[in-house]
Amino acid sequence: MSRNSVDILRISLGLVFLAFGVLKFFPGASPAEELVMRTIDRLTFGIISGQPAVLLTAVMECFIGITLVSGKLLRTGLLVLGMSLVGIMSPLVLFFGDLFPGTPTLEAQYVFKDIVLAAAGLVIAAKALAAAPLKGLRV
């Protein structure tokens, strides 16, 4: 079990990112579309907003998914995942009142489940980086 569990987690996480990323290529298909627009708009101080923000997110999520599923360019995919986690988790800070007006909204639940995705990403990164240490880095 220990031999294959992290690879199964990596592929599963990749499929989740790929599925959610593909949805964002179709306007109105993703339940998080409006939240993505608001979040990216706020994080980029209005430089990227609307559909371009959703498209950027779709491309990033699909890239992360493909690298996780295939295992190719995994370190790059994990780097993009790490950067995207800022955007993924930031609605908890930026829009807390909107997400939790009393009971959690559907958007809040959508963001809240991302905590598990972040933890899974850390497990995968720990294995991937342990298996291939950075060149020139002494421990």
Protein backbone atom coordinates (compact mmCIF):
# COMPACT_ATOMS: atom_id res chain seq x y z
CA MET A 1 0.00 0.00 0.00
CA SER A 2 2.74 2.48 0.89
CA ARG A 3 4.46 1.87 -2.43
CA ASN A 4 1.52 3.06 -4.54
CA SER A 5 -0.60 5.30 -2.30
CA VAL A 6 1.14 8.59 -3.09
CA ASP A 7 1.02 7.87 -6.82
CA ILE A 8 -2.70 7.10 -6.53
CA LEU A 9 -3.14 10.37 -4.62
CA ARG A 10 -1.14 12.24 -7.29
CA ILE A 11 -3.24 10.86 -10.14
CA SER A 12 -6.50 11.42 -8.24
CA LEU A 13 -5.57 15.02 -7.44
CA GLY A 14 -4.58 15.51 -11.07
CA LEU A 15 -7.96 14.27 -12.26
CA VAL A 16 -9.73 16.65 -9.86
CA PHE A 17 -7.72 19.64 -11.12
CA LEU A 18 -8.21 18.58 -14.72
CA ALA A 19 -11.98 18.19 -14.30
CA PHE A 20 -12.44 21.54 -12.57
CA GLY A 21 -10.08 23.23 -15.03
CA VAL A 22 -11.88 21.92 -18.12
CA LEU A 23 -15.22 23.19 -16.75
CA LYS A 24 -13.82 26.72 -16.68
CA PHE A 25 -13.29 26.68 -20.46
CA PHE A 26 -17.07 26.67 -20.88
CA PRO A 27 -18.71 29.91 -19.66
CA GLY A 28 -21.35 29.24 -17.03
CA ALA A 29 -20.35 25.59 -16.51
CA SER A 30 -18.27 26.08 -13.36
CA PRO A 31 -20.05 26.89 -10.11
CA ALA A 32 -16.92 28.79 -9.06
CA GLU A 33 -16.77 31.05 -12.13
CA GLU A 34 -18.03 34.20 -10.41
CA LEU A 35 -15.80 33.60 -7.39
CA VAL A 36 -12.79 33.12 -9.68
CA MET A 37 -13.54 36.41 -11.44
CA ARG A 38 -13.88 38.32 -8.17
CA THR A 39 -10.78 36.74 -6.63
CA ILE A 40 -8.42 37.25 -9.58
CA ASP A 41 -9.75 40.78 -10.07
CA ARG A 42 -8.96 41.61 -6.44
CA LEU A 43 -5.57 39.84 -6.37
CA THR A 44 -4.39 41.56 -9.58
CA PHE A 45 -5.84 44.96 -8.59
CA GLY A 46 -8.17 44.85 -11.59
CA ILE A 47 -5.49 44.06 -14.17
CA ILE A 48 -7.03 40.65 -14.92
CA SER A 49 -10.77 40.33 -14.56
CA GLY A 50 -13.85 38.70 -16.06
CA GLN A 51 -13.46 35.85 -18.55
CA PRO A 52 -9.67 36.29 -18.93
CA ALA A 53 -9.36 35.53 -15.19
CA VAL A 54 -11.42 32.37 -15.62
CA LEU A 55 -9.41 31.37 -18.71
CA LEU A 56 -6.11 31.89 -16.85
CA THR A 57 -7.40 29.74 -14.00
CA ALA A 58 -8.59 27.05 -16.44
CA VAL A 59 -5.18 26.88 -18.12
CA MET A 60 -3.36 26.69 -14.78
CA GLU A 61 -5.68 24.02 -13.38
CA CYS A 62 -5.46 21.91 -16.55
CA PHE A 63 -1.67 22.22 -16.58
CA ILE A 64 -1.52 21.16 -12.92
CA GLY A 65 -3.87 18.26 -13.66
CA ILE A 66 -1.91 17.04 -16.67
CA THR A 67 1.42 17.16 -14.83
CA LEU A 68 -0.01 15.31 -11.84
CA VAL A 69 -1.72 12.62 -13.93
CA SER A 70 1.22 12.06 -16.25
CA GLY A 71 4.03 12.59 -13.77
CA LYS A 72 5.82 14.64 -16.48
CA LEU A 73 7.06 18.13 -15.56
CA LEU A 74 5.88 17.29 -12.05
CA ARG A 75 8.13 19.81 -10.29
CA THR A 76 6.85 22.59 -12.56
CA GLY A 77 3.26 21.48 -12.01
CA LEU A 78 3.80 21.47 -8.24
CA LEU A 79 5.28 24.98 -8.45
CA VAL A 80 2.21 26.18 -10.37
CA LEU A 81 0.01 24.40 -7.82
CA GLY A 82 1.80 26.17 -4.98
CA MET A 83 1.32 29.55 -6.64
CA SER A 84 -2.31 28.82 -7.47
CA LEU A 85 -3.06 27.88 -3.87
CA VAL A 86 -2.75 31.57 -3.01
CA GLY A 87 -5.66 32.29 -5.34
CA ILE A 88 -7.54 29.15 -4.38
CA MET A 89 -7.48 29.88 -0.64
CA SER A 90 -7.62 33.71 -0.71
CA PRO A 91 -11.45 33.95 -0.88
CA LEU A 92 -11.48 32.73 2.73
CA VAL A 93 -9.78 36.03 3.61
CA LEU A 94 -11.01 38.36 0.87
CA PHE A 95 -14.69 37.40 0.93
CA PHE A 96 -15.19 35.72 4.29
CA GLY A 97 -18.43 37.59 5.02
CA ASP A 98 -19.87 36.66 1.63
CA LEU A 99 -18.87 33.02 1.99
CA PHE A 100 -20.12 32.68 5.56
CA PRO A 101 -23.16 34.95 5.99
CA GLY A 102 -24.31 32.53 8.70
CA THR A 103 -24.11 29.04 7.34
CA PRO A 104 -21.47 28.37 4.67
CA THR A 105 -22.59 29.12 1.12
CA LEU A 106 -21.97 26.71 -1.75
CA GLU A 107 -18.98 28.85 -2.72
CA ALA A 108 -17.62 28.56 0.83
CA GLN A 109 -17.92 24.79 0.70
CA TYR A 110 -16.17 24.85 -2.67
CA VAL A 111 -13.23 26.80 -1.23
CA PHE A 112 -13.20 24.91 2.06
CA LYS A 113 -12.68 21.54 0.35
CA ASP A 114 -9.55 23.01 -1.19
CA ILE A 115 -7.83 22.59 2.18
CA VAL A 116 -7.76 18.86 1.46
CA LEU A 117 -6.42 19.50 -2.04
CA ALA A 118 -3.64 21.64 -0.56
CA ALA A 119 -2.74 18.91 1.93
CA ALA A 120 -2.68 16.31 -0.85
CA GLY A 121 -0.40 18.59 -2.87
CA LEU A 122 2.00 18.83 0.08
CA VAL A 123 2.17 15.03 0.38
CA ILE A 124 2.86 14.67 -3.34
CA ALA A 125 5.46 17.46 -3.27
CA ALA A 126 7.22 15.89 -0.27
CA LYS A 127 7.62 12.61 -2.15
CA ALA A 128 8.54 14.23 -5.48
CA LEU A 129 11.12 16.57 -3.96
CA ALA A 130 12.59 13.86 -1.74
CA ALA A 131 13.03 11.61 -4.76
CA ALA A 132 14.75 14.29 -6.85
CA PRO A 133 16.73 16.76 -4.71
CA LEU A 134 17.65 20.09 -6.19
CA LYS A 135 21.03 20.15 -7.93
CA GLY A 136 23.70 21.86 -5.91
CA LEU A 137 21.63 21.85 -2.72
CA ARG A 138 23.38 20.28 0.23
CA VAL A 139 21.40 18.97 3.14
